[in-house]
Amino acid sequence: MNAATPSSEPVDPREPVDPADRNGTFRSESLELALAAQDAAAVAFALRHDVVVVPKLVLPTDASAAAGSAPSTGGPDDGALPDEGDQVRVFGRENTDKRILLLFSSDDTYAAMVPDDPNRQVMLYDALSLRAFLEAHLDVIEQVFFDIAGPHTMAANPEDLLKALG
């Protein structure tokens, strides 16, 4: 199979994928398959051996900085694993300090959740990045959802997800 051409064939969730070899795609076929099967063990395996699409927090720019800049394309960033300054976009309920972490199998499934967001950006997290984020924010994350806009939504509590990441 040509590495530069996306495959329409499903990837076996037991085949680890190198996060550096993403060819500009924001997708984890192994996570998609695991979610479609509603298989918690396969989801855990996919998270340990592939990448997950994480919404990136896009901070508003002040008027002076935005005056000379090009408008956002609303698409993903450069496809690299997160830079040190990148922040995860979390979601919360009103009148609570608890947050919900939303993870996605692809940029398309995130777009389905926020179709009108002009600044929608994502980044890829590998198992180490996801584990570090969860450990740092375990006190405020009350739930984790995968592909919340469907078609194969799953949920996990953050402690169980940490255990699954090993």
Protein backbone atom coordinates (compact mmCIF):
# COMPACT_ATOMS: atom_id res chain seq x y z
CA MET A 1 0.00 0.00 0.00
CA ASN A 2 1.31 3.46 -0.89
CA ALA A 3 1.94 5.41 2.33
CA ALA A 4 0.88 8.72 0.75
CA THR A 5 -2.54 7.46 -0.29
CA PRO A 6 -5.21 7.12 2.39
CA SER A 7 -6.59 3.60 2.52
CA SER A 8 -10.29 2.86 2.40
CA GLU A 9 -9.59 -0.52 3.97
CA PRO A 10 -10.06 -0.69 7.74
CA VAL A 11 -6.96 -0.92 9.89
CA ASP A 12 -6.78 -3.80 12.32
CA PRO A 13 -7.00 -2.18 15.79
CA ARG A 14 -4.23 -4.52 16.93
CA GLU A 15 -1.71 -3.01 14.49
CA PRO A 16 0.06 -0.07 16.17
CA VAL A 17 0.46 3.06 14.06
CA ASP A 18 3.38 5.44 14.44
CA PRO A 19 1.92 8.87 15.40
CA ALA A 20 4.65 10.59 13.36
CA ASP A 21 3.47 8.87 10.17
CA ARG A 22 0.03 10.43 9.79
CA ASN A 23 0.38 11.89 6.27
CA GLY A 24 -1.49 15.01 7.30
CA THR A 25 -4.58 13.08 8.38
CA PHE A 26 -6.48 13.63 11.57
CA ARG A 27 -7.96 10.20 11.94
CA SER A 28 -7.51 6.97 13.82
CA GLU A 29 -9.04 4.09 11.90
CA SER A 30 -8.30 1.71 14.77
CA LEU A 31 -10.27 3.92 17.17
CA GLU A 32 -13.11 4.24 14.63
CA LEU A 33 -13.35 0.45 14.37
CA ALA A 34 -13.21 -0.03 18.13
CA LEU A 35 -15.97 2.52 18.68
CA ALA A 36 -18.11 0.98 15.93
CA ALA A 37 -17.77 -2.39 17.67
CA GLN A 38 -18.46 -0.76 21.07
CA ASP A 39 -15.46 -2.72 22.32
CA ALA A 40 -13.90 -1.07 25.37
CA ALA A 41 -10.78 -3.27 25.22
CA ALA A 42 -10.21 -2.37 21.56
CA VAL A 43 -10.72 1.33 22.36
CA ALA A 44 -8.06 1.07 25.09
CA PHE A 45 -5.71 -0.73 22.69
CA ALA A 46 -6.26 1.92 19.99
CA LEU A 47 -5.52 4.70 22.47
CA ARG A 48 -2.32 3.00 23.60
CA HIS A 49 -1.01 2.27 20.09
CA ASP A 50 -2.44 4.95 17.80
CA VAL A 51 -3.47 8.56 18.18
CA VAL A 52 -6.67 10.31 19.19
CA VAL A 53 -8.02 13.59 17.82
CA VAL A 54 -8.22 16.23 20.54
CA PRO A 55 -9.99 19.61 20.17
CA LYS A 56 -7.52 22.46 20.41
CA LEU A 57 -8.39 25.56 22.38
CA VAL A 58 -8.28 28.55 20.06
CA LEU A 59 -7.92 31.73 22.05
CA PRO A 60 -9.41 34.89 20.57
CA THR A 61 -6.84 37.29 19.22
CA ASP A 62 -6.98 40.94 20.14
CA ALA A 63 -8.07 43.39 17.44
CA SER A 64 -4.58 44.78 16.83
CA ALA A 65 -3.04 41.36 16.25
CA ALA A 66 -5.93 40.19 14.06
CA ALA A 67 -5.94 43.30 11.85
CA GLY A 68 -3.09 42.12 9.64
CA SER A 69 -3.61 38.38 9.88
CA ALA A 70 -5.30 36.03 7.47
CA PRO A 71 -8.64 34.57 8.55
CA SER A 72 -8.69 31.10 10.04
CA THR A 73 -9.46 28.28 7.66
CA GLY A 74 -11.36 26.55 10.42
CA GLY A 75 -9.34 23.43 9.76
CA PRO A 76 -6.75 21.50 11.73
CA ASP A 77 -3.29 22.75 12.53
CA ASP A 78 -0.11 21.29 11.01
CA GLY A 79 -0.77 17.73 12.15
CA ALA A 80 2.03 17.48 14.64
CA LEU A 81 1.65 16.21 18.13
CA PRO A 82 0.82 19.13 20.42
CA ASP A 83 3.31 21.91 20.96
CA GLU A 84 4.09 22.99 24.49
CA GLY A 85 1.81 26.03 24.24
CA ASP A 86 -1.18 24.17 22.79
CA GLN A 87 -4.13 23.73 25.10
CA VAL A 88 -6.90 21.15 25.02
CA ARG A 89 -10.41 22.49 24.58
CA VAL A 90 -12.62 21.02 27.29
CA PHE A 91 -16.32 21.51 27.78
CA GLY A 92 -18.28 22.17 30.93
CA ARG A 93 -21.72 22.50 32.33
CA GLU A 94 -22.94 25.85 33.60
CA ASN A 95 -22.47 26.60 37.29
CA THR A 96 -19.87 23.91 37.89
CA ASP A 97 -16.09 23.76 37.84
CA LYS A 98 -16.10 20.22 36.45
CA ARG A 99 -15.19 19.64 32.80
CA ILE A 100 -15.86 17.03 30.15
CA LEU A 101 -13.07 15.88 27.86
CA LEU A 102 -14.22 15.08 24.34
CA LEU A 103 -12.01 12.85 22.21
CA PHE A 104 -12.56 11.95 18.57
CA SER A 105 -11.58 9.29 16.10
CA SER A 106 -11.29 11.90 13.33
CA ASP A 107 -11.47 15.60 12.61
CA ASP A 108 -14.72 14.87 10.76
CA THR A 109 -16.42 13.53 13.89
CA TYR A 110 -15.35 16.66 15.77
CA ALA A 111 -16.66 18.84 12.93
CA ALA A 112 -20.03 17.09 13.22
CA MET A 113 -20.23 18.28 16.83
CA VAL A 114 -19.27 21.91 16.13
CA PRO A 115 -20.24 22.47 12.47
CA ASP A 116 -20.56 26.25 12.79
CA ASP A 117 -17.31 26.86 14.67
CA PRO A 118 -15.14 29.05 12.40
CA ASN A 119 -12.02 28.38 14.51
CA ARG A 120 -12.28 24.62 14.82
CA GLN A 121 -8.79 23.17 15.25
CA VAL A 122 -7.52 19.83 16.42
CA MET A 123 -4.29 18.18 17.39
CA LEU A 124 -3.22 14.57 17.71
CA TYR A 125 -2.41 13.04 21.07
CA ASP A 126 -0.57 9.81 21.56
CA ALA A 127 -0.96 7.70 24.70
CA LEU A 128 1.76 9.59 26.62
CA SER A 129 0.26 13.00 25.83
CA LEU A 130 -3.25 11.86 26.76
CA ARG A 131 -2.02 10.27 29.98
CA ALA A 132 -0.11 13.42 30.98
CA PHE A 133 -3.16 15.60 30.30
CA LEU A 134 -5.49 13.36 32.29
CA GLU A 135 -3.08 13.14 35.23
CA ALA A 136 -2.66 16.92 35.33
CA HIS A 137 -6.41 17.60 35.22
CA LEU A 138 -7.93 14.59 36.95
CA ASP A 139 -9.42 16.79 39.66
CA VAL A 140 -11.62 18.72 37.20
CA ILE A 141 -12.44 16.18 34.47
CA GLU A 142 -15.57 14.32 35.43
CA GLN A 143 -16.21 12.38 32.20
CA VAL A 144 -14.61 11.50 28.88
CA PHE A 145 -16.69 10.99 25.74
CA PHE A 146 -15.56 9.55 22.41
CA ASP A 147 -17.18 10.76 19.16
CA ILE A 148 -20.02 12.40 21.07
CA ALA A 149 -21.82 13.47 17.88
CA GLY A 150 -21.99 9.82 16.84
CA PRO A 151 -22.49 7.52 15.23
CA HIS A 152 -20.72 5.31 17.83
CA THR A 153 -20.42 7.30 21.05
CA MET A 154 -18.76 5.80 24.10
CA ALA A 155 -17.97 7.23 27.51
CA ALA A 156 -15.45 6.51 30.23
CA ASN A 157 -14.59 7.97 33.56
CA PRO A 158 -11.12 9.53 33.60
CA GLU A 159 -9.73 7.14 36.22
CA ASP A 160 -10.67 4.11 34.12
CA LEU A 161 -9.17 5.74 31.05
CA LEU A 162 -5.89 6.29 32.90
CA LYS A 163 -5.83 2.62 33.88
CA ALA A 164 -6.52 1.62 30.27
CA LEU A 165 -3.61 3.75 29.06
CA GLY A 166 -1.31 1.68 31.26
